[in-house]
Amino acid sequence: MKYWSKKWKSSKKPSKQRKYRYNAPLHIRRKFLSVNLSKELRAKYKRRSVTICKGDKVKIMKGRFKKMVGTVERIDLRKGNVFVDVAKIEKADGTKTSYPLKPSNLMIVELNLNDKLRKSKIESKITKV
C-alpha cells in the first residue's frame, strides 16, 4: 500500500525517511531535485541552490563524468535522475544512451531563465535584501 502524509515532520529512522521520499507525490518530488549553484551564481542570486530545469548548464562534480560541463536534456521525477548531454555511455550493441545522474552530484553553472515565472522566483530574494 502506498502511503504518504504531508503532516509528517521528521524522524531519526532512516527507513521512515526513505519511505517519505519513495512514496512522495510528483509535486513534492520536484523539490528533491535541488542543485547547488556555482560561487558566482550564489553571490549574484544570494541563494545556495535552485530546483533544476531543462536547459540549465551544469558541471558534473562526481562519478565517471567528473568535471564535464553540459546542458540538462531531461529530468526523471519518478526516479529522481537528471540526464545531461555530455553524460553518454556506449551499450554492448554500439548505440549511445544517456546516463542518469543524481542532482546531488551536479552544480549549476548557468541558469535557463526563459521561463518568466522561474526568473521572478529566483530573483525575488535579491530585491528583498
Protein backbone atom coordinates (compact mmCIF):
# COMPACT_ATOMS: atom_id res chain seq x y z
CA MET A 1 0.00 0.00 0.00
CA LYS A 2 1.32 3.41 -0.95
CA TYR A 3 1.04 5.88 1.90
CA TRP A 4 2.36 9.41 2.18
CA SER A 5 1.41 12.13 4.63
CA LYS A 6 2.09 15.85 4.30
CA LYS A 7 1.65 16.18 8.08
CA TRP A 8 4.75 14.01 8.71
CA LYS A 9 7.54 16.20 10.07
CA SER A 10 10.69 14.15 10.60
CA SER A 11 12.15 11.03 12.08
CA LYS A 12 15.59 9.80 13.07
CA LYS A 13 14.83 6.44 11.48
CA PRO A 14 16.36 6.18 8.00
CA SER A 15 13.64 3.72 6.98
CA LYS A 16 10.94 6.35 7.56
CA GLN A 17 12.97 8.97 5.70
CA ARG A 18 13.29 6.59 2.73
CA LYS A 19 9.56 5.79 2.90
CA TYR A 20 8.70 9.51 2.81
CA ARG A 21 10.84 10.09 -0.28
CA TYR A 22 9.77 6.88 -2.06
CA ASN A 23 6.03 7.46 -1.61
CA ALA A 24 6.05 11.24 -2.17
CA PRO A 25 3.83 12.57 -4.98
CA LEU A 26 5.45 14.20 -8.02
CA HIS A 27 4.81 17.81 -6.95
CA ILE A 28 6.80 17.11 -3.76
CA ARG A 29 9.50 15.08 -5.59
CA ARG A 30 10.18 18.19 -7.67
CA LYS A 31 11.60 19.83 -4.53
CA PHE A 32 14.06 16.93 -4.08
CA LEU A 33 15.75 17.98 -7.34
CA SER A 34 17.58 20.99 -5.94
CA VAL A 35 21.10 21.53 -7.25
CA ASN A 36 23.90 23.67 -5.80
CA LEU A 37 24.79 26.91 -7.57
CA SER A 38 28.32 27.92 -8.57
CA LYS A 39 30.10 30.56 -6.45
CA GLU A 40 29.37 33.32 -9.00
CA LEU A 41 25.64 32.48 -9.12
CA ARG A 42 25.47 32.22 -5.31
CA ALA A 43 26.83 35.75 -4.99
CA LYS A 44 24.53 37.06 -7.73
CA TYR A 45 21.25 35.48 -6.56
CA LYS A 46 22.01 35.25 -2.80
CA ARG A 47 20.98 31.57 -2.50
CA ARG A 48 22.77 28.23 -2.31
CA SER A 49 20.61 26.05 -4.52
CA VAL A 50 17.83 26.10 -7.11
CA THR A 51 15.50 23.42 -8.46
CA ILE A 52 16.99 22.13 -11.69
CA CYS A 53 15.28 22.75 -15.02
CA LYS A 54 15.72 21.52 -18.59
CA GLY A 55 18.22 23.75 -20.39
CA ASP A 56 20.36 24.60 -17.34
CA LYS A 57 24.11 24.32 -17.85
CA VAL A 58 25.61 22.04 -15.19
CA LYS A 59 29.02 20.80 -14.13
CA ILE A 60 29.25 17.16 -13.04
CA MET A 61 31.08 17.00 -9.69
CA LYS A 62 31.27 13.24 -9.01
CA GLY A 63 31.34 9.96 -10.87
CA ARG A 64 32.76 8.78 -14.18
CA PHE A 65 31.87 12.07 -15.95
CA LYS A 66 33.50 14.30 -13.29
CA LYS A 67 34.47 17.88 -14.37
CA MET A 68 32.39 17.71 -17.59
CA VAL A 69 30.06 20.62 -18.37
CA GLY A 70 26.84 20.17 -20.34
CA THR A 71 23.18 21.11 -20.59
CA VAL A 72 20.28 19.25 -18.99
CA GLU A 73 18.36 17.24 -21.62
CA ARG A 74 15.74 15.55 -19.46
CA ILE A 75 14.63 15.12 -15.83
CA ASP A 76 13.03 11.96 -14.43
CA LEU A 77 10.90 12.92 -11.41
CA ARG A 78 9.89 9.35 -10.55
CA LYS A 79 13.46 8.11 -10.13
CA GLY A 80 14.99 11.49 -9.26
CA ASN A 81 17.52 11.40 -12.11
CA VAL A 82 18.92 14.12 -14.35
CA PHE A 83 20.19 13.45 -17.88
CA VAL A 84 22.98 15.69 -19.23
CA ASP A 85 24.01 15.80 -22.90
CA VAL A 86 27.71 15.04 -22.20
CA ALA A 87 26.98 12.00 -19.99
CA LYS A 88 26.54 9.24 -22.57
CA ILE A 89 27.57 5.59 -22.40
CA GLU A 90 28.03 3.10 -25.21
CA LYS A 91 25.94 -0.05 -24.90
CA ALA A 92 27.07 -3.52 -25.98
CA ASP A 93 25.31 -3.21 -29.35
CA GLY A 94 27.18 0.06 -30.09
CA THR A 95 24.32 2.53 -29.51
CA LYS A 96 24.84 5.53 -27.22
CA THR A 97 22.41 6.20 -24.40
CA SER A 98 22.05 8.90 -21.74
CA TYR A 99 23.47 8.12 -18.31
CA PRO A 100 21.30 9.01 -15.27
CA LEU A 101 22.89 11.34 -12.71
CA LYS A 102 21.74 12.26 -9.20
CA PRO A 103 21.16 16.01 -8.64
CA SER A 104 23.42 15.99 -5.56
CA ASN A 105 26.38 15.28 -7.87
CA LEU A 106 25.79 18.34 -10.06
CA MET A 107 26.45 22.09 -9.84
CA ILE A 108 24.59 24.70 -11.88
CA VAL A 109 26.99 26.90 -13.85
CA GLU A 110 24.43 28.79 -15.97
CA LEU A 111 20.67 29.12 -15.40
CA ASN A 112 17.99 28.79 -18.08
CA LEU A 113 15.85 31.89 -17.46
CA ASN A 114 13.49 31.59 -20.47
CA ASP A 115 10.58 30.93 -18.11
CA LYS A 116 9.34 34.25 -16.67
CA LEU A 117 7.88 32.65 -13.53
CA ARG A 118 11.15 30.85 -12.70
CA LYS A 119 13.12 34.05 -13.33
CA SER A 120 10.91 36.04 -10.94
CA LYS A 121 11.13 33.35 -8.24
CA ILE A 122 14.92 33.17 -8.42
CA GLU A 123 15.38 36.95 -8.48
CA SER A 124 12.82 37.60 -5.71
CA LYS A 125 15.40 37.09 -2.97
CA ILE A 126 17.69 39.78 -4.44
CA THR A 127 15.05 42.51 -4.19
CA LYS A 128 14.12 41.61 -0.58
CA VAL A 129 17.61 42.28 0.74
